[in-house]
Structures are given as structure tokens and as C-alpha cells.
Amino acid sequence: MHVALAASLWKDPATWGIVLADLVRHVANTYNERDGLDKAEVVAKIRKLFEVELGTPTDVPTGSLQE
């Protein structure tokens, strides 16, 4: 997976919540189409671990800011 961030896309950083929610739905759709998994269950699993990871990160981002 490769991710490029352009933090300057939106003035309000809260807008990234919409982006992340859309991404989760795309992932759920993929698991549903590929493996027949229930979309709501996939979203719930991702949400659960996302909240855990925000509270107790397993990794710390490093590097410079580039836009």
C-alpha cells in the first residue's frame, strides 16, 4: 500500500473524517465482493481496531512533512 497525503486539501482537518469513512466503506465493499463478508461487520471490525489504535498506537509516524 502506498499513501500520499496532501494535508492542504482542506482547511478544516475534520474533513479527513469523511475521507477515512469513505475509505472504510470502500474496504468493506471489497471484502464483501471478494469474500462475501458482511459490510457492516467489516466496518465494525475496522472501527473497533481504529479506536484502539488511536488510543494506544503500535507505531509512531516519522519523517518530514512534504506537500
PDB file of N, CA and C in Angstrom:
ATOM      1  N   MET A   1       0.850  -1.170   0.000  1.00  0.00           N
ATOM      2  CA  MET A   1       0.000   0.000   0.000  1.00  0.00           C
ATOM      3  C   MET A   1       0.896   1.233   0.000  1.00  0.00           C
ATOM      4  N   HIS A   2       0.501   2.217  -0.751  1.00  0.00           N
ATOM      5  CA  HIS A   2       1.213   3.491  -0.801  1.00  0.00           C
ATOM      6  C   HIS A   2       0.213   4.605  -0.546  1.00  0.00           C
ATOM      7  N   VAL A   3       0.581   5.529   0.329  1.00  0.00           N
ATOM      8  CA  VAL A   3      -0.308   6.635   0.651  1.00  0.00           C
ATOM      9  C   VAL A   3       0.453   7.938   0.498  1.00  0.00           C
ATOM     10  N   ALA A   4      -0.153   8.884  -0.183  1.00  0.00           N
ATOM     11  CA  ALA A   4       0.400  10.232  -0.282  1.00  0.00           C
ATOM     12  C   ALA A   4      -0.625  11.185   0.319  1.00  0.00           C
ATOM     13  N   LEU A   5      -0.178  12.008   1.235  1.00  0.00           N
ATOM     14  CA  LEU A   5      -1.083  12.939   1.908  1.00  0.00           C
ATOM     15  C   LEU A   5      -0.848  14.364   1.426  1.00  0.00           C
ATOM     16  N   ALA A   6      -1.930  15.052   1.212  1.00  0.00           N
ATOM     17  CA  ALA A   6      -1.882  16.476   0.895  1.00  0.00           C
ATOM     18  C   ALA A   6      -2.766  17.168   1.931  1.00  0.00           C
ATOM     19  N   ALA A   7      -2.189  17.423   3.088  1.00  0.00           N
ATOM     20  CA  ALA A   7      -2.965  17.984   4.201  1.00  0.00           C
ATOM     21  C   ALA A   7      -3.592  19.330   3.855  1.00  0.00           C
ATOM     22  N   SER A   8      -3.051  19.995   2.858  1.00  0.00           N
ATOM     23  CA  SER A   8      -3.573  21.315   2.493  1.00  0.00           C
ATOM     24  C   SER A   8      -4.837  21.241   1.630  1.00  0.00           C
ATOM     25  N   LEU A   9      -5.328  20.050   1.344  1.00  0.00           N
ATOM     26  CA  LEU A   9      -6.534  19.922   0.516  1.00  0.00           C
ATOM     27  C   LEU A   9      -7.738  20.613   1.144  1.00  0.00           C
ATOM     28  N   TRP A  10      -7.861  20.497   2.459  1.00  0.00           N
ATOM     29  CA  TRP A  10      -8.999  21.076   3.150  1.00  0.00           C
ATOM     30  C   TRP A  10      -8.517  21.930   4.305  1.00  0.00           C
ATOM     31  N   LYS A  11      -9.192  23.038   4.497  1.00  0.00           N
ATOM     32  CA  LYS A  11      -8.840  23.944   5.589  1.00  0.00           C
ATOM     33  C   LYS A  11      -9.127  23.312   6.950  1.00  0.00           C
ATOM     34  N   ASP A  12     -10.240  22.629   7.053  1.00  0.00           N
ATOM     35  CA  ASP A  12     -10.663  22.016   8.311  1.00  0.00           C
ATOM     36  C   ASP A  12     -10.165  20.575   8.369  1.00  0.00           C
ATOM     37  N   PRO A  13      -9.276  20.247   9.296  1.00  0.00           N
ATOM     38  CA  PRO A  13      -8.767  18.879   9.377  1.00  0.00           C
ATOM     39  C   PRO A  13      -9.853  17.848   9.670  1.00  0.00           C
ATOM     40  N   ALA A  14     -10.983  18.278  10.203  1.00  0.00           N
ATOM     41  CA  ALA A  14     -12.080  17.343  10.475  1.00  0.00           C
ATOM     42  C   ALA A  14     -12.604  16.701   9.191  1.00  0.00           C
ATOM     43  N   THR A  15     -12.388  17.346   8.061  1.00  0.00           N
ATOM     44  CA  THR A  15     -12.826  16.811   6.769  1.00  0.00           C
ATOM     45  C   THR A  15     -12.195  15.450   6.496  1.00  0.00           C
ATOM     46  N   TRP A  16     -11.014  15.214   7.087  1.00  0.00           N
ATOM     47  CA  TRP A  16     -10.379  13.907   6.913  1.00  0.00           C
ATOM     48  C   TRP A  16     -11.254  12.796   7.481  1.00  0.00           C
ATOM     49  N   GLY A  17     -12.138  13.106   8.395  1.00  0.00           N
ATOM     50  CA  GLY A  17     -13.071  12.102   8.907  1.00  0.00           C
ATOM     51  C   GLY A  17     -13.953  11.550   7.802  1.00  0.00           C
ATOM     52  N   ILE A  18     -14.372  12.428   6.891  1.00  0.00           N
ATOM     53  CA  ILE A  18     -15.179  11.988   5.746  1.00  0.00           C
ATOM     54  C   ILE A  18     -14.351  11.084   4.848  1.00  0.00           C
ATOM     55  N   VAL A  19     -13.113  11.480   4.599  1.00  0.00           N
ATOM     56  CA  VAL A  19     -12.226  10.693   3.737  1.00  0.00           C
ATOM     57  C   VAL A  19     -11.999   9.306   4.337  1.00  0.00           C
ATOM     58  N   LEU A  20     -11.705   9.266   5.636  1.00  0.00           N
ATOM     59  CA  LEU A  20     -11.458   7.975   6.280  1.00  0.00           C
ATOM     60  C   LEU A  20     -12.706   7.099   6.286  1.00  0.00           C
ATOM     61  N   ALA A  21     -13.872   7.704   6.510  1.00  0.00           N
ATOM     62  CA  ALA A  21     -15.126   6.944   6.488  1.00  0.00           C
ATOM     63  C   ALA A  21     -15.391   6.383   5.095  1.00  0.00           C
ATOM     64  N   ASP A  22     -15.158   7.182   4.062  1.00  0.00           N
ATOM     65  CA  ASP A  22     -15.323   6.700   2.689  1.00  0.00           C
ATOM     66  C   ASP A  22     -14.370   5.545   2.400  1.00  0.00           C
ATOM     67  N   LEU A  23     -13.131   5.674   2.866  1.00  0.00           N
ATOM     68  CA  LEU A  23     -12.142   4.616   2.660  1.00  0.00           C
ATOM     69  C   LEU A  23     -12.583   3.318   3.334  1.00  0.00           C
ATOM     70  N   VAL A  24     -13.092   3.411   4.554  1.00  0.00           N
ATOM     71  CA  VAL A  24     -13.558   2.223   5.264  1.00  0.00           C
ATOM     72  C   VAL A  24     -14.693   1.554   4.490  1.00  0.00           C
ATOM     73  N   ARG A  25     -15.598   2.349   3.954  1.00  0.00           N
ATOM     74  CA  ARG A  25     -16.704   1.763   3.180  1.00  0.00           C
ATOM     75  C   ARG A  25     -16.192   1.081   1.913  1.00  0.00           C
ATOM     76  N   HIS A  26     -15.182   1.655   1.270  1.00  0.00           N
ATOM     77  CA  HIS A  26     -14.593   1.011   0.087  1.00  0.00           C
ATOM     78  C   HIS A  26     -13.938  -0.322   0.464  1.00  0.00           C
ATOM     79  N   VAL A  27     -13.248  -0.337   1.590  1.00  0.00           N
ATOM     80  CA  VAL A  27     -12.628  -1.576   2.055  1.00  0.00           C
ATOM     81  C   VAL A  27     -13.702  -2.621   2.350  1.00  0.00           C
ATOM     82  N   ALA A  28     -14.769  -2.219   3.013  1.00  0.00           N
ATOM     83  CA  ALA A  28     -15.858  -3.139   3.322  1.00  0.00           C
ATOM     84  C   ALA A  28     -16.492  -3.689   2.044  1.00  0.00           C
ATOM     85  N   ASN A  29     -16.677  -2.836   1.063  1.00  0.00           N
ATOM     86  CA  ASN A  29     -17.232  -3.291  -0.218  1.00  0.00           C
ATOM     87  C   ASN A  29     -16.325  -4.326  -0.873  1.00  0.00           C
ATOM     88  N   THR A  30     -15.017  -4.095  -0.798  1.00  0.00           N
ATOM     89  CA  THR A  30     -14.067  -5.030  -1.397  1.00  0.00           C
ATOM     90  C   THR A  30     -14.134  -6.396  -0.722  1.00  0.00           C
ATOM     91  N   TYR A  31     -14.152  -6.408   0.617  1.00  0.00           N
ATOM     92  CA  TYR A  31     -14.253  -7.677   1.335  1.00  0.00           C
ATOM     93  C   TYR A  31     -15.580  -8.370   1.055  1.00  0.00           C
ATOM     94  N   ASN A  32     -16.629  -7.591   0.887  1.00  0.00           N
ATOM     95  CA  ASN A  32     -17.933  -8.162   0.563  1.00  0.00           C
ATOM     96  C   ASN A  32     -17.919  -8.804  -0.819  1.00  0.00           C
ATOM     97  N   GLU A  33     -17.399  -8.079  -1.799  1.00  0.00           N
ATOM     98  CA  GLU A  33     -17.373  -8.596  -3.174  1.00  0.00           C
ATOM     99  C   GLU A  33     -16.409  -9.775  -3.321  1.00  0.00           C
ATOM    100  N   ARG A  34     -15.251  -9.701  -2.662  1.00  0.00           N
ATOM    101  CA  ARG A  34     -14.228 -10.734  -2.821  1.00  0.00           C
ATOM    102  C   ARG A  34     -14.511 -11.972  -1.985  1.00  0.00           C
ATOM    103  N   ASP A  35     -14.924 -11.770  -0.719  1.00  0.00           N
ATOM    104  CA  ASP A  35     -15.046 -12.880   0.217  1.00  0.00           C
ATOM    105  C   ASP A  35     -16.460 -13.117   0.730  1.00  0.00           C
ATOM    106  N   GLY A  36     -17.398 -12.240   0.340  1.00  0.00           N
ATOM    107  CA  GLY A  36     -18.773 -12.397   0.786  1.00  0.00           C
ATOM    108  C   GLY A  36     -19.010 -11.967   2.225  1.00  0.00           C
ATOM    109  N   LEU A  37     -18.053 -11.238   2.819  1.00  0.00           N
ATOM    110  CA  LEU A  37     -18.223 -10.785   4.201  1.00  0.00           C
ATOM    111  C   LEU A  37     -19.281  -9.680   4.287  1.00  0.00           C
ATOM    112  N   ASP A  38     -19.967  -9.658   5.408  1.00  0.00           N
ATOM    113  CA  ASP A  38     -20.979  -8.645   5.642  1.00  0.00           C
ATOM    114  C   ASP A  38     -20.318  -7.267   5.787  1.00  0.00           C
ATOM    115  N   LYS A  39     -20.780  -6.303   5.011  1.00  0.00           N
ATOM    116  CA  LYS A  39     -20.175  -4.964   5.021  1.00  0.00           C
ATOM    117  C   LYS A  39     -20.210  -4.324   6.405  1.00  0.00           C
ATOM    118  N   ALA A  40     -21.340  -4.431   7.081  1.00  0.00           N
ATOM    119  CA  ALA A  40     -21.473  -3.817   8.404  1.00  0.00           C
ATOM    120  C   ALA A  40     -20.503  -4.445   9.404  1.00  0.00           C
ATOM    121  N   GLU A  41     -20.290  -5.748   9.307  1.00  0.00           N
ATOM    122  CA  GLU A  41     -19.355  -6.419  10.207  1.00  0.00           C
ATOM    123  C   GLU A  41     -17.922  -5.983   9.920  1.00  0.00           C
ATOM    124  N   VAL A  42     -17.583  -5.819   8.646  1.00  0.00           N
ATOM    125  CA  VAL A  42     -16.247  -5.354   8.280  1.00  0.00           C
ATOM    126  C   VAL A  42     -16.023  -3.946   8.831  1.00  0.00           C
ATOM    127  N   VAL A  43     -16.996  -3.071   8.649  1.00  0.00           N
ATOM    128  CA  VAL A  43     -16.885  -1.706   9.159  1.00  0.00           C
ATOM    129  C   VAL A  43     -16.725  -1.727  10.679  1.00  0.00           C
ATOM    130  N   ALA A  44     -17.496  -2.560  11.367  1.00  0.00           N
ATOM    131  CA  ALA A  44     -17.416  -2.642  12.826  1.00  0.00           C
ATOM    132  C   ALA A  44     -16.032  -3.107  13.288  1.00  0.00           C
ATOM    133  N   LYS A  45     -15.463  -4.086  12.598  1.00  0.00           N
ATOM    134  CA  LYS A  45     -14.127  -4.573  12.956  1.00  0.00           C
ATOM    135  C   LYS A  45     -13.082  -3.487  12.749  1.00  0.00           C
ATOM    136  N   ILE A  46     -13.172  -2.805  11.631  1.00  0.00           N
ATOM    137  CA  ILE A  46     -12.211  -1.738  11.348  1.00  0.00           C
ATOM    138  C   ILE A  46     -12.352  -0.627  12.376  1.00  0.00           C
ATOM    139  N   ARG A  47     -13.586  -0.230  12.672  1.00  0.00           N
ATOM    140  CA  ARG A  47     -13.835   0.845  13.640  1.00  0.00           C
ATOM    141  C   ARG A  47     -13.273   0.494  15.012  1.00  0.00           C
ATOM    142  N   LYS A  48     -13.499  -0.753  15.438  1.00  0.00           N
ATOM    143  CA  LYS A  48     -13.037  -1.176  16.753  1.00  0.00           C
ATOM    144  C   LYS A  48     -11.512  -1.060  16.861  1.00  0.00           C
ATOM    145  N   LEU A  49     -10.801  -1.607  15.893  1.00  0.00           N
ATOM    146  CA  LEU A  49      -9.347  -1.567  15.960  1.00  0.00           C
ATOM    147  C   LEU A  49      -8.813  -0.159  15.723  1.00  0.00           C
ATOM    148  N   PHE A  50      -9.509   0.629  14.917  1.00  0.00           N
ATOM    149  CA  PHE A  50      -9.122   2.021  14.688  1.00  0.00           C
ATOM    150  C   PHE A  50      -9.130   2.795  16.001  1.00  0.00           C
ATOM    151  N   GLU A  51     -10.197   2.621  16.773  1.00  0.00           N
ATOM    152  CA  GLU A  51     -10.302   3.320  18.054  1.00  0.00           C
ATOM    153  C   GLU A  51      -9.234   2.852  19.035  1.00  0.00           C
ATOM    154  N   VAL A  52      -8.950   1.550  19.050  1.00  0.00           N
ATOM    155  CA  VAL A  52      -7.890   1.024  19.910  1.00  0.00           C
ATOM    156  C   VAL A  52      -6.546   1.612  19.485  1.00  0.00           C
ATOM    157  N   GLU A  53      -6.286   1.632  18.209  1.00  0.00           N
ATOM    158  CA  GLU A  53      -5.012   2.127  17.693  1.00  0.00           C
ATOM    159  C   GLU A  53      -4.822   3.617  17.984  1.00  0.00           C
ATOM    160  N   LEU A  54      -5.886   4.386  17.900  1.00  0.00           N
ATOM    161  CA  LEU A  54      -5.783   5.807  18.234  1.00  0.00           C
ATOM    162  C   LEU A  54      -5.415   5.999  19.700  1.00  0.00           C
ATOM    163  N   GLY A  55      -5.945   5.136  20.554  1.00  0.00           N
ATOM    164  CA  GLY A  55      -5.687   5.248  21.982  1.00  0.00           C
ATOM    165  C   GLY A  55      -4.323   4.735  22.398  1.00  0.00           C
ATOM    166  N   THR A  56      -3.876   3.685  21.738  1.00  0.00           N
ATOM    167  CA  THR A  56      -2.603   3.060  22.065  1.00  0.00           C
ATOM    168  C   THR A  56      -1.895   2.678  20.772  1.00  0.00           C
ATOM    169  N   PRO A  57      -1.179   3.619  20.173  1.00  0.00           N
ATOM    170  CA  PRO A  57      -0.540   3.354  18.877  1.00  0.00           C
ATOM    171  C   PRO A  57       0.505   2.240  18.943  1.00  0.00           C
ATOM    172  N   THR A  58       0.518   1.401  17.913  1.00  0.00           N
ATOM    173  CA  THR A  58       1.540   0.363  17.792  1.00  0.00           C
ATOM    174  C   THR A  58       2.755   0.888  17.037  1.00  0.00           C
ATOM    175  N   ASP A  59       2.629   2.077  16.456  1.00  0.00           N
ATOM    176  CA  ASP A  59       3.718   2.678  15.697  1.00  0.00           C
ATOM    177  C   ASP A  59       3.571   4.191  15.793  1.00  0.00           C
ATOM    178  N   VAL A  60       4.682   4.890  15.641  1.00  0.00           N
ATOM    179  CA  VAL A  60       4.675   6.346  15.666  1.00  0.00           C
ATOM    180  C   VAL A  60       5.155   6.847  14.312  1.00  0.00           C
ATOM    181  N   PRO A  61       4.352   7.701  13.636  1.00  0.00           N
ATOM    182  CA  PRO A  61       4.766   8.218  12.336  1.00  0.00           C
ATOM    183  C   PRO A  61       6.085   8.980  12.436  1.00  0.00           C
ATOM    184  N   THR A  62       6.931   8.792  11.466  1.00  0.00           N
ATOM    185  CA  THR A  62       8.188   9.531  11.390  1.00  0.00           C
ATOM    186  C   THR A  62       8.343  10.116  10.003  1.00  0.00           C
ATOM    187  N   GLY A  63       9.265  11.006   9.857  1.00  0.00           N
ATOM    188  CA  GLY A  63       9.524  11.604   8.548  1.00  0.00           C
ATOM    189  C   GLY A  63       9.221  13.073   8.545  1.00  0.00           C
ATOM    190  N   SER A  64       9.498  13.661   7.423  1.00  0.00           N
ATOM    191  CA  SER A  64       9.272  15.101   7.297  1.00  0.00           C
ATOM    192  C   SER A  64       7.937  15.368   6.636  1.00  0.00           C
ATOM    193  N   LEU A  65       7.453  16.562   6.842  1.00  0.00           N
ATOM    194  CA  LEU A  65       6.214  16.987   6.183  1.00  0.00           C
ATOM    195  C   LEU A  65       6.523  17.386   4.769  1.00  0.00           C
ATOM    196  N   GLN A  66       5.853  16.785   3.820  1.00  0.00           N
ATOM    197  CA  GLN A  66       6.031  17.135   2.422  1.00  0.00           C
ATOM    198  C   GLN A  66       4.666  17.276   1.786  1.00  0.00           C
ATOM    199  N   GLU A  67       4.510  18.318   1.010  1.00  0.00           N
ATOM    200  CA  GLU A  67       3.225  18.508   0.332  1.00  0.00           C
ATOM    201  C   GLU A  67       3.454  18.817  -1.108  1.00  0.00           C
TER     202      GLU A  67
END
